[in-house]
């Protein structure tokens, strides 16, 4: 008999298979000698009280042996010569998973990426970090793998009702991601490991007969004679890319794509987004608060760097943490040289002495009305851009970011000094109250006070705010039919992922990429 049981074990016992056997036997009411094997299915940390424990879900064989574990493999049949072509614009998780799903469905994916391959892209981060110079088509947002490649690789999602999350994890493992992501409650891959995973996914696409083209920025649409069907796209170098369908998976920072659609007269919609700052603490402070450590007590070696997730509503607007990076770094995520945008990342070991998170406030479409007369449906992008340019000017250029201690932000004064930071380009002392929109700033102040009661030290002396976090999601949605997933005004166009307004992270974008590929296959017959 094979059963699945949940057991709770102290940390030091939770790493021993002998303890698993004993606990599982007790849960099932059998002698440990009858256990023929145990296998970890899921694990999470319970730090609500001491001693801190791990909750383990175990597959247990009684009076028999567990079958061997089969790790996911990547094997895609070669596409047939007559296979229909699906042009996929963007090679983030939405685009890559759409391409792999196309292969499974017998379609030929042709992936167009404005940025460079992931290895070349890494070199283009050097002038950004050392000189404060943005390579505008190859940076933390643009290039193979999308914005998530160098942003920790967090895979935790609440999107379980929208598709097969476990299958997404299995595709990552098949392409070289650690198998721990199959069992961890809050899985992540790490920015040091993700590039090789992304390269392996590209190799799967190429090996099966798909295509991947870098430094290929889409600048035009190829329509049928009556203008009602999309037959491909045109890149900025004049090349024409014909396709039987087009999956648009460009990510939330491809502002030129929104402008192209606007100029083409295609319907777009304003949507909520969020702006704010990155908040940074010593990781030891977060560990102490989350693991209930005594003053000066180090985090137990068996525990990972602690994380948090905070959210509330203040005057009908959400105030929340976003993309929390335990043991992480704050990085410059601008896509043009006249702006400053900050984001977070972590390596697989999450061993930086700093913790950071986005700390943001919801912006509703009506909050951007001041830009609507000039920019219309793109008013949210204009709102973002104005804040990013102002942030650059406050920082003093070269990707330096304006910053302020939380205590000084609450009092409305420029900080006399700033603590150490993980943000490499450097900081400038600034009153962020004068930089952020006031409807954002006052809610942030109230949120800081509220969250300080939830997480000890969140608004304390060692907390630092770094501006500005503006790319939490797209302020524009590209509409699509709920059933066909096609744009209601352009047949053959499948808006996909974060950039289209239908995802909010790596896993949800990957799921949406799969859905769009399936919708395209169904439409093409």
Protein backbone atom coordinates (compact mmCIF):
# COMPACT_ATOMS: atom_id res chain seq x y z
CA UNK A 1 0.00 0.00 0.00
CA UNK A 2 1.26 3.49 -0.89
CA UNK A 3 -0.08 6.43 1.13
CA UNK A 4 0.57 10.14 1.43
CA UNK A 5 0.94 11.54 4.95
CA UNK A 6 1.83 14.91 6.50
CA UNK A 7 4.27 14.99 9.41
CA UNK A 8 5.71 17.83 11.47
CA UNK A 9 9.35 17.48 12.54
CA UNK A 10 11.90 19.74 14.26
CA UNK A 11 14.54 21.07 11.87
CA UNK A 12 17.36 18.71 12.83
CA UNK A 13 15.13 15.67 12.49
CA UNK A 14 13.53 16.88 9.28
CA UNK A 15 16.75 16.27 7.33
CA UNK A 16 16.97 12.60 8.37
CA UNK A 17 15.17 9.93 6.40
CA UNK A 18 15.14 7.69 9.47
CA UNK A 19 13.04 10.33 11.24
CA UNK A 20 10.68 10.44 8.25
CA UNK A 21 10.19 6.67 8.49
CA UNK A 22 9.47 6.76 12.22
CA UNK A 23 7.07 9.70 11.94
CA UNK A 24 5.24 8.20 8.94
CA UNK A 25 4.90 4.85 10.70
CA UNK A 26 3.41 6.58 13.74
CA UNK A 27 0.97 8.49 11.56
CA UNK A 28 -0.15 5.31 9.78
CA UNK A 29 -0.20 3.20 12.94
CA UNK A 30 2.25 0.59 11.65
CA UNK A 31 5.67 -0.65 12.72
CA UNK A 32 8.62 1.20 11.11
CA UNK A 33 9.86 -2.19 9.89
CA UNK A 34 6.89 -2.36 7.53
CA UNK A 35 7.90 0.89 5.76
CA UNK A 36 9.41 -0.05 2.39
CA UNK A 37 10.33 3.49 1.40
CA UNK A 38 9.52 7.17 1.84
CA UNK A 39 9.77 10.03 -0.63
CA UNK A 40 9.42 13.77 -0.05
CA UNK A 41 6.48 15.29 -1.94
CA UNK A 42 6.26 18.78 -0.42
CA UNK A 43 7.92 20.70 2.40
CA UNK A 44 7.38 24.01 4.14
CA UNK A 45 8.65 25.72 7.28
CA UNK A 46 6.40 26.30 10.29
CA UNK A 47 8.01 29.18 12.20
CA UNK A 48 4.93 30.25 14.11
CA UNK A 49 6.36 28.93 17.37
CA UNK A 50 9.49 27.34 18.78
CA UNK A 51 10.94 24.92 18.10
CA UNK A 52 10.76 25.79 14.41
CA UNK A 53 9.62 22.75 12.44
CA UNK A 54 9.25 21.54 8.89
CA UNK A 55 5.94 20.27 7.63
CA UNK A 56 6.69 17.37 5.30
CA UNK A 57 4.31 15.64 2.94
CA UNK A 58 5.63 12.13 2.35
CA UNK A 59 4.78 9.37 -0.06
CA UNK A 60 5.05 6.19 2.01
CA UNK A 61 5.14 2.54 0.93
CA UNK A 62 3.91 -0.01 3.48
CA UNK A 63 4.75 -3.69 2.93
CA UNK A 64 6.13 -2.90 -0.52
CA UNK A 65 8.86 -0.86 -2.22
CA UNK A 66 8.38 2.59 -3.71
CA UNK A 67 8.81 2.64 -7.47
CA UNK A 68 11.96 4.51 -8.62
CA UNK A 69 11.65 8.28 -8.84
CA UNK A 70 11.43 9.50 -12.42
CA UNK A 71 12.77 13.02 -12.94
CA UNK A 72 11.25 15.08 -15.77
CA UNK A 73 12.97 14.83 -19.15
CA UNK A 74 12.90 17.20 -22.10
CA UNK A 75 12.08 15.45 -25.37
CA UNK A 76 10.25 17.19 -28.19
CA UNK A 77 9.50 15.51 -31.51
CA UNK A 78 10.87 17.31 -34.59
CA UNK A 79 8.28 19.52 -36.26
CA UNK A 80 7.07 18.36 -39.66
CA UNK A 81 8.12 20.26 -42.77
CA UNK A 82 4.54 21.31 -43.45
CA UNK A 83 3.90 22.43 -39.84
CA UNK A 84 2.12 25.73 -39.38
CA UNK A 85 4.27 28.61 -38.13
CA UNK A 86 3.54 30.51 -34.96
CA UNK A 87 5.56 33.71 -34.60
CA UNK A 88 6.25 34.35 -30.90
CA UNK A 89 7.34 37.87 -30.03
CA UNK A 90 9.42 37.81 -26.84
CA UNK A 91 11.49 35.12 -25.13
CA UNK A 92 10.45 35.60 -21.53
CA UNK A 93 8.61 32.79 -19.72
CA UNK A 94 5.43 33.47 -21.68
CA UNK A 95 7.23 33.22 -25.01
CA UNK A 96 9.46 30.26 -24.12
CA UNK A 97 6.63 28.16 -22.71
CA UNK A 98 4.43 29.07 -25.68
CA UNK A 99 7.22 27.85 -27.98
CA UNK A 100 7.68 24.56 -26.13
CA UNK A 101 3.93 23.95 -26.08
CA UNK A 102 3.80 24.67 -29.82
CA UNK A 103 6.34 21.89 -30.35
CA UNK A 104 4.21 19.48 -28.35
CA UNK A 105 1.21 20.42 -30.50
CA UNK A 106 3.00 19.98 -33.82
CA UNK A 107 3.44 23.69 -34.59
CA UNK A 108 6.68 25.39 -35.57
CA UNK A 109 7.60 28.24 -33.17
CA UNK A 110 9.57 31.18 -34.54
CA UNK A 111 10.74 33.21 -31.53
CA UNK A 112 11.75 36.85 -32.06
CA UNK A 113 13.64 38.55 -29.21
CA UNK A 114 14.61 42.22 -29.29
CA UNK A 115 17.50 41.61 -26.88
CA UNK A 116 20.49 39.31 -26.97
CA UNK A 117 21.04 35.72 -25.93
CA UNK A 118 21.44 35.26 -22.20
CA UNK A 119 25.27 34.98 -22.27
CA UNK A 120 25.73 38.18 -24.30
CA UNK A 121 23.08 39.86 -22.21
CA UNK A 122 25.15 39.30 -19.08
CA UNK A 123 28.02 41.28 -20.61
CA UNK A 124 25.65 44.16 -21.34
CA UNK A 125 24.89 44.45 -17.63
CA UNK A 126 28.52 45.46 -16.98
CA UNK A 127 28.28 49.03 -18.39
CA UNK A 128 24.99 49.43 -16.51
CA UNK A 129 26.59 48.51 -13.19
CA UNK A 130 30.01 50.14 -13.73
CA UNK A 131 29.21 53.21 -15.80
CA UNK A 132 25.50 53.75 -15.23
CA UNK A 133 24.89 53.33 -18.98
CA UNK A 134 21.85 51.39 -20.18
CA UNK A 135 22.14 49.22 -23.30
CA UNK A 136 18.56 49.91 -24.33
CA UNK A 137 17.69 46.57 -25.96
CA UNK A 138 19.79 44.39 -23.64
CA UNK A 139 19.45 44.92 -19.90
CA UNK A 140 17.68 43.56 -16.82
CA UNK A 141 14.32 43.74 -18.64
CA UNK A 142 15.13 42.89 -22.27
CA UNK A 143 16.86 39.80 -23.60
CA UNK A 144 16.60 36.03 -23.55
CA UNK A 145 14.54 34.81 -20.60
CA UNK A 146 12.89 38.18 -20.01
CA UNK A 147 12.94 40.24 -16.82
CA UNK A 148 12.78 37.15 -14.59
CA UNK A 149 16.17 35.79 -15.68
CA UNK A 150 18.11 38.16 -13.45
CA UNK A 151 15.40 38.68 -10.84
CA UNK A 152 15.70 35.71 -8.49
CA UNK A 153 13.54 33.23 -10.37
CA UNK A 154 10.76 33.11 -7.77
CA UNK A 155 8.26 30.45 -8.82
CA UNK A 156 5.67 30.75 -6.09
CA UNK A 157 2.28 31.63 -7.55
CA UNK A 158 -1.36 31.76 -6.52
CA UNK A 159 -2.32 30.85 -10.09
CA UNK A 160 -3.14 27.20 -9.32
CA UNK A 161 -6.63 27.56 -10.76
CA UNK A 162 -5.28 28.79 -14.09
CA UNK A 163 -3.30 25.77 -15.19
CA UNK A 164 -0.88 22.98 -14.40
CA UNK A 165 1.67 24.70 -12.16
CA UNK A 166 3.50 21.44 -11.43
CA UNK A 167 4.03 20.90 -15.15
CA UNK A 168 5.74 24.28 -15.37
CA UNK A 169 8.08 23.26 -12.56
CA UNK A 170 8.78 19.97 -14.31
CA UNK A 171 9.75 21.75 -17.54
CA UNK A 172 12.25 23.85 -15.57
CA UNK A 173 13.71 20.75 -13.89
CA UNK A 174 13.93 18.95 -17.24
CA UNK A 175 16.05 21.87 -18.44
CA UNK A 176 18.42 21.87 -15.49
CA UNK A 177 16.68 23.64 -12.61
CA UNK A 178 17.22 22.12 -9.13
CA UNK A 179 14.73 19.34 -8.42
CA UNK A 180 14.01 20.96 -5.04
CA UNK A 181 11.57 23.28 -6.82
CA UNK A 182 9.25 20.29 -7.19
CA UNK A 183 8.83 20.00 -3.41
CA UNK A 184 9.49 23.44 -1.89
CA UNK A 185 6.45 25.44 -0.81
CA UNK A 186 8.08 28.65 -2.05
CA UNK A 187 10.37 27.50 -4.85
CA UNK A 188 12.97 29.65 -6.56
CA UNK A 189 15.80 28.95 -8.96
CA UNK A 190 18.17 31.89 -8.48
CA UNK A 191 19.62 34.40 -10.93
CA UNK A 192 22.91 32.48 -11.12
CA UNK A 193 21.20 29.27 -12.29
CA UNK A 194 18.42 30.59 -14.47
CA UNK A 195 20.62 31.58 -17.45
CA UNK A 196 21.65 27.96 -18.07
CA UNK A 197 18.05 26.81 -17.71
CA UNK A 198 16.96 29.39 -20.28
CA UNK A 199 19.74 28.33 -22.67
CA UNK A 200 18.64 24.70 -22.36
CA UNK A 201 15.07 25.68 -23.22
CA UNK A 202 16.34 27.48 -26.31
CA UNK A 203 18.29 24.38 -27.32
CA UNK A 204 15.13 22.28 -27.02
CA UNK A 205 13.33 24.68 -29.37
CA UNK A 206 16.15 24.64 -31.93
CA UNK A 207 16.74 20.89 -31.73
CA UNK A 208 13.09 20.20 -32.56
CA UNK A 209 13.14 22.51 -35.57
CA UNK A 210 11.91 25.77 -34.10
CA UNK A 211 13.69 29.07 -34.62
CA UNK A 212 15.04 31.69 -32.19
CA UNK A 213 16.23 35.07 -33.48
CA UNK A 214 17.94 37.63 -31.24
CA UNK A 215 18.42 41.38 -31.76
CA UNK A 216 15.11 41.32 -33.64
CA UNK A 217 12.83 44.09 -32.44
CA UNK A 218 9.31 44.08 -33.86
CA UNK A 219 8.32 47.45 -35.28
CA UNK A 220 5.38 46.70 -37.57
CA UNK A 221 2.43 44.39 -38.19
CA UNK A 222 1.80 42.37 -41.34
CA UNK A 223 -1.95 42.34 -41.96
CA UNK A 224 -4.17 40.66 -44.50
CA UNK A 225 -5.56 42.73 -47.39
CA UNK A 226 -8.74 43.54 -45.47
CA UNK A 227 -6.73 44.38 -42.32
CA UNK A 228 -8.67 41.95 -40.15
CA UNK A 229 -6.08 39.18 -39.80
CA UNK A 230 -2.48 39.28 -38.58
CA UNK A 231 -0.21 37.38 -40.94
CA UNK A 232 3.13 38.12 -39.29
CA UNK A 233 5.29 41.00 -38.13
CA UNK A 234 8.04 43.27 -39.44
CA UNK A 235 11.28 43.83 -37.52
CA UNK A 236 13.13 47.13 -37.25
CA UNK A 237 15.74 45.99 -39.79
CA UNK A 238 13.03 45.56 -42.43
CA UNK A 239 12.75 41.78 -42.33
CA UNK A 240 9.30 40.24 -42.70
CA UNK A 241 8.34 37.33 -40.45
CA UNK A 242 5.29 35.54 -41.79
CA UNK A 243 3.23 33.30 -39.53
CA UNK A 244 -0.10 31.54 -39.38
CA UNK A 245 -0.58 33.02 -35.91
CA UNK A 246 1.29 35.48 -33.66
CA UNK A 247 1.72 35.16 -29.90
CA UNK A 248 2.65 38.54 -28.43
CA UNK A 249 4.67 37.94 -25.25
CA UNK A 250 6.75 41.12 -25.03
CA UNK A 251 6.70 41.78 -21.27
CA UNK A 252 5.59 44.88 -19.40
CA UNK A 253 8.47 47.16 -20.42
CA UNK A 254 8.12 47.03 -24.24
CA UNK A 255 6.47 50.43 -24.41
CA UNK A 256 7.13 50.79 -28.12
CA UNK A 257 4.81 47.83 -28.75
CA UNK A 258 1.93 49.59 -26.99
CA UNK A 259 2.65 52.71 -29.05
CA UNK A 260 2.67 50.61 -32.24
CA UNK A 261 -0.72 49.13 -31.41
CA UNK A 262 -2.08 52.56 -30.54
CA UNK A 263 -0.86 53.97 -33.87
CA UNK A 264 -2.39 50.97 -35.67
CA UNK A 265 -5.75 51.88 -34.16
CA UNK A 266 -6.05 48.64 -32.17
CA UNK A 267 -8.00 48.71 -28.96
CA UNK A 268 -6.03 48.93 -25.73
CA UNK A 269 -7.29 49.35 -22.17
CA UNK A 270 -5.98 51.15 -19.12
CA UNK A 271 -5.53 48.93 -16.06
CA UNK A 272 -4.35 49.26 -12.45
CA UNK A 273 -0.66 48.91 -11.63
CA UNK A 274 1.51 49.91 -8.66
CA UNK A 275 4.46 52.17 -7.94
CA UNK A 276 6.64 52.84 -4.94
CA UNK A 277 10.16 52.02 -3.82
CA UNK A 278 12.43 49.16 -2.83
CA UNK A 279 12.70 48.75 0.93
CA UNK A 280 15.95 47.19 2.17
CA UNK A 281 16.82 45.73 5.59
CA UNK A 282 19.67 43.69 7.00
CA UNK A 283 18.67 40.08 6.40
CA UNK A 284 19.45 39.38 10.06
CA UNK A 285 16.65 41.77 11.07
CA UNK A 286 14.10 39.88 8.95
CA UNK A 287 15.40 36.55 10.23
CA UNK A 288 15.05 37.70 13.85
CA UNK A 289 11.50 38.93 13.30
CA UNK A 290 10.26 35.92 11.33
CA UNK A 291 12.06 33.18 13.26
CA UNK A 292 11.55 34.74 16.73
CA UNK A 293 15.28 34.87 17.44
CA UNK A 294 16.73 36.37 20.60
CA UNK A 295 18.85 39.56 20.28
CA UNK A 296 22.19 38.60 18.75
CA UNK A 297 21.06 35.03 17.99
CA UNK A 298 22.16 33.85 14.55
CA UNK A 299 19.75 32.17 12.16
CA UNK A 300 20.00 28.37 12.53
CA UNK A 301 22.07 26.92 9.70
CA UNK A 302 19.24 24.70 8.51
CA UNK A 303 16.87 27.62 7.96
CA UNK A 304 16.77 29.61 4.71
CA UNK A 305 16.92 33.39 4.68
CA UNK A 306 13.53 34.51 5.97
CA UNK A 307 10.97 36.09 3.69
CA UNK A 308 7.80 38.10 4.24
CA UNK A 309 4.66 39.14 2.39
CA UNK A 310 2.70 42.14 3.65
CA UNK A 311 -0.49 43.67 2.31
CA UNK A 312 -3.25 46.01 3.42
CA UNK A 313 -5.64 48.61 2.03
CA UNK A 314 -5.45 52.28 2.85
CA UNK A 315 -8.17 54.60 1.56
CA UNK A 316 -9.28 52.16 -1.13
CA UNK A 317 -5.78 51.57 -2.48
CA UNK A 318 -3.65 48.48 -1.96
CA UNK A 319 -0.34 48.91 -0.14
CA UNK A 320 1.85 45.84 -0.27
CA UNK A 321 5.25 44.24 -0.52
CA UNK A 322 6.17 42.91 -3.94
CA UNK A 323 8.81 40.53 -5.29
CA UNK A 324 10.51 40.03 -1.91
CA UNK A 325 14.16 38.95 -2.27
CA UNK A 326 15.62 37.37 0.88
CA UNK A 327 19.41 37.42 0.88
CA UNK A 328 19.23 39.52 -2.25
CA UNK A 329 20.37 42.62 -4.10
CA UNK A 330 18.72 45.73 -5.53
CA UNK A 331 19.54 46.27 -9.20
CA UNK A 332 19.01 49.01 -11.82
CA UNK A 333 16.20 47.91 -14.15
CA UNK A 334 15.85 50.94 -16.43
CA UNK A 335 15.39 50.41 -20.17
CA UNK A 336 16.35 53.93 -21.26
CA UNK A 337 19.18 56.20 -20.17
CA UNK A 338 17.04 59.08 -18.93
CA UNK A 339 15.32 57.02 -16.21
CA UNK A 340 16.02 55.13 -12.99
CA UNK A 341 14.03 52.02 -12.09
CA UNK A 342 14.93 49.63 -9.26
CA UNK A 343 14.17 45.93 -8.92
CA UNK A 344 15.34 43.03 -6.76
CA UNK A 345 17.18 39.75 -7.36
CA UNK A 346 18.68 36.86 -5.41
CA UNK A 347 21.15 34.12 -6.17
CA UNK A 348 20.22 30.51 -5.52
CA UNK A 349 21.85 30.47 -2.07
CA UNK A 350 20.24 33.76 -1.04
CA UNK A 351 23.31 34.57 1.03
CA UNK A 352 23.55 38.35 0.67
CA UNK A 353 23.47 40.18 4.04
CA UNK A 354 20.51 42.23 2.75
CA UNK A 355 16.81 41.59 2.24
CA UNK A 356 14.76 43.74 -0.10
CA UNK A 357 11.24 43.99 -1.43
CA UNK A 358 9.15 46.27 -3.54
CA UNK A 359 6.99 48.45 -1.30
CA UNK A 360 4.26 49.79 -3.53
CA UNK A 361 0.84 51.41 -3.73
CA UNK A 362 -1.88 50.60 -6.25
CA UNK A 363 -2.40 53.20 -8.98
CA UNK A 364 -5.85 53.14 -10.58
CA UNK A 365 -6.38 54.35 -14.16
CA UNK A 366 -8.09 57.55 -12.97
CA UNK A 367 -4.94 58.45 -11.03
CA UNK A 368 -3.20 58.95 -14.38
CA UNK A 369 -5.85 61.26 -15.87
CA UNK A 370 -3.45 64.22 -15.84
CA UNK A 371 -1.62 62.51 -18.72
CA UNK A 372 -4.75 61.33 -20.56
CA UNK A 373 -5.32 64.46 -22.67
CA UNK A 374 -1.93 64.00 -24.38
CA UNK A 375 -1.42 60.24 -24.19
CA UNK A 376 -4.95 58.80 -24.08
CA UNK A 377 -5.03 55.10 -23.19
CA UNK A 378 -1.25 55.19 -22.68
CA UNK A 379 -1.57 57.65 -19.77
CA UNK A 380 -0.31 55.03 -17.30
CA UNK A 381 2.92 54.62 -19.26
CA UNK A 382 3.38 58.40 -19.28
CA UNK A 383 2.80 58.43 -15.51
CA UNK A 384 5.45 55.72 -15.03
CA UNK A 385 7.92 57.43 -17.35
CA UNK A 386 7.54 60.81 -15.67
CA UNK A 387 8.32 59.27 -12.29
CA UNK A 388 11.30 57.35 -13.68
CA UNK A 389 12.80 60.48 -15.25
CA UNK A 390 12.25 62.45 -12.04
CA UNK A 391 13.92 59.61 -10.11
CA UNK A 392 16.96 59.79 -12.38
CA UNK A 393 17.22 63.54 -11.89
CA UNK A 394 16.90 63.18 -8.11
CA UNK A 395 19.61 60.52 -8.10
CA UNK A 396 21.99 62.71 -10.06
CA UNK A 397 22.43 60.52 -13.14
CA UNK A 398 24.49 57.42 -13.98
CA UNK A 399 21.80 55.20 -12.43
CA UNK A 400 22.34 56.56 -8.93
CA UNK A 401 19.09 56.23 -7.01
CA UNK A 402 17.52 58.63 -4.48
CA UNK A 403 17.22 57.07 -1.03
CA UNK A 404 16.06 57.82 2.49
CA UNK A 405 15.94 56.11 5.86
CA UNK A 406 12.40 55.09 6.75
CA UNK A 407 12.46 57.14 9.96
CA UNK A 408 13.34 60.26 7.96
CA UNK A 409 10.70 59.49 5.31
CA UNK A 410 8.09 59.35 8.05
CA UNK A 411 9.28 62.72 9.40
CA UNK A 412 9.67 64.34 5.96
CA UNK A 413 13.38 65.16 6.22
CA UNK A 414 16.42 64.33 4.12
CA UNK A 415 18.57 61.68 5.80
CA UNK A 416 21.85 62.89 7.28
CA UNK A 417 23.46 59.59 6.31
CA UNK A 418 22.48 56.36 4.58
CA UNK A 419 23.25 52.81 5.71
CA UNK A 420 25.14 50.29 3.61
CA UNK A 421 23.21 49.00 0.64
CA UNK A 422 23.32 46.28 -2.01
CA UNK A 423 22.55 48.81 -4.77
CA UNK A 424 25.81 48.98 -6.69
CA UNK A 425 25.48 52.19 -8.80
CA UNK A 426 25.17 54.26 -5.62
CA UNK A 427 22.64 56.36 -3.71
CA UNK A 428 21.83 60.04 -3.29
CA UNK A 429 20.14 61.43 -0.18
CA UNK A 430 16.67 62.71 -1.06
CA UNK A 431 13.26 63.27 0.49
CA UNK A 432 11.15 60.69 -1.34
CA UNK A 433 8.00 62.48 -0.15
CA UNK A 434 8.85 65.22 -2.65
CA UNK A 435 9.52 62.73 -5.45
CA UNK A 436 6.64 60.29 -5.22
CA UNK A 437 3.08 61.28 -6.15
CA UNK A 438 1.42 62.46 -2.97
CA UNK A 439 -1.42 59.94 -3.23
CA UNK A 440 1.30 57.27 -3.14
CA UNK A 441 3.60 58.85 -0.52
CA UNK A 442 1.04 59.35 2.25
CA UNK A 443 -0.29 55.82 1.85
CA UNK A 444 3.27 54.52 2.05
CA UNK A 445 3.78 56.36 5.33
CA UNK A 446 0.61 54.84 6.79
CA UNK A 447 1.55 51.42 5.43
CA UNK A 448 5.01 51.56 7.01
CA UNK A 449 3.52 52.28 10.42
CA UNK A 450 0.96 49.49 10.04
CA UNK A 451 3.46 46.89 8.81
CA UNK A 452 5.89 47.77 11.60
CA UNK A 453 3.30 46.33 13.97
CA UNK A 454 3.20 43.13 11.92
CA UNK A 455 6.95 42.67 11.38
CA UNK A 456 9.25 43.97 14.10
CA UNK A 457 11.74 46.53 12.75
CA UNK A 458 10.11 46.93 9.33
CA UNK A 459 10.04 50.71 9.82
CA UNK A 460 13.03 50.79 12.17
CA UNK A 461 16.34 52.62 12.11
CA UNK A 462 18.00 50.14 9.76
CA UNK A 463 15.24 50.27 7.10
CA UNK A 464 16.13 52.05 3.86
CA UNK A 465 13.89 53.21 1.00
CA UNK A 466 15.36 53.37 -2.52
CA UNK A 467 13.42 54.94 -5.40
CA UNK A 468 11.66 54.11 -7.50
CA UNK A 469 9.94 50.77 -8.21
CA UNK A 470 7.63 51.39 -11.17
CA UNK A 471 7.57 48.20 -13.28
CA UNK A 472 5.45 45.98 -11.05
CA UNK A 473 3.06 45.31 -13.93
CA UNK A 474 1.83 46.85 -17.14
CA UNK A 475 -0.47 49.89 -16.92
CA UNK A 476 -1.99 48.73 -20.23
CA UNK A 477 -4.00 45.63 -21.12
CA UNK A 478 -4.17 44.34 -24.68
CA UNK A 479 -7.71 42.93 -24.79
CA UNK A 480 -8.48 39.42 -25.95
CA UNK A 481 -11.58 37.28 -26.33
CA UNK A 482 -12.15 35.13 -23.26
CA UNK A 483 -12.66 31.98 -25.33
CA UNK A 484 -10.38 32.30 -28.38
CA UNK A 485 -7.68 34.41 -26.59
CA UNK A 486 -7.39 36.49 -29.78
CA UNK A 487 -7.51 40.26 -29.95
CA UNK A 488 -11.16 41.15 -30.69
CA UNK A 489 -10.14 43.40 -33.59
CA UNK A 490 -7.30 41.38 -35.16
CA UNK A 491 -7.69 37.70 -35.90
CA UNK A 492 -4.56 35.60 -35.41
CA UNK A 493 -3.09 37.82 -32.66
CA UNK A 494 -2.82 36.16 -29.25
CA UNK A 495 -1.82 38.71 -26.54
CA UNK A 496 0.09 36.85 -23.84
CA UNK A 497 1.62 37.19 -20.40
CA UNK A 498 2.62 40.18 -18.30
CA UNK A 499 2.94 42.65 -21.15
CA UNK A 500 -0.60 41.98 -22.31
CA UNK A 501 -1.93 42.22 -18.75
CA UNK A 502 -2.69 38.54 -18.11
CA UNK A 503 0.10 37.43 -15.77
CA UNK A 504 2.10 38.62 -12.80
CA UNK A 505 5.27 36.56 -12.53
CA UNK A 506 7.28 33.75 -14.06
CA UNK A 507 4.82 30.91 -13.44
CA UNK A 508 1.63 32.77 -14.37
CA UNK A 509 3.34 34.03 -17.54
CA UNK A 510 4.49 30.50 -18.39
CA UNK A 511 0.96 29.18 -17.86
CA UNK A 512 -0.45 31.91 -20.07
CA UNK A 513 2.12 31.11 -22.76
CA UNK A 514 0.96 27.51 -22.77
CA UNK A 515 -2.68 28.60 -22.97
CA UNK A 516 -2.01 30.91 -25.91
CA UNK A 517 -0.15 28.16 -27.78
CA UNK A 518 -3.07 25.81 -27.20
CA UNK A 519 -5.54 28.47 -28.34
CA UNK A 520 -3.51 29.09 -31.49
CA UNK A 521 -3.37 25.36 -32.22
CA UNK A 522 -7.12 25.03 -31.77
CA UNK A 523 -7.78 27.99 -34.04
CA UNK A 524 -5.40 26.73 -36.73
CA UNK A 525 -6.99 23.29 -36.62
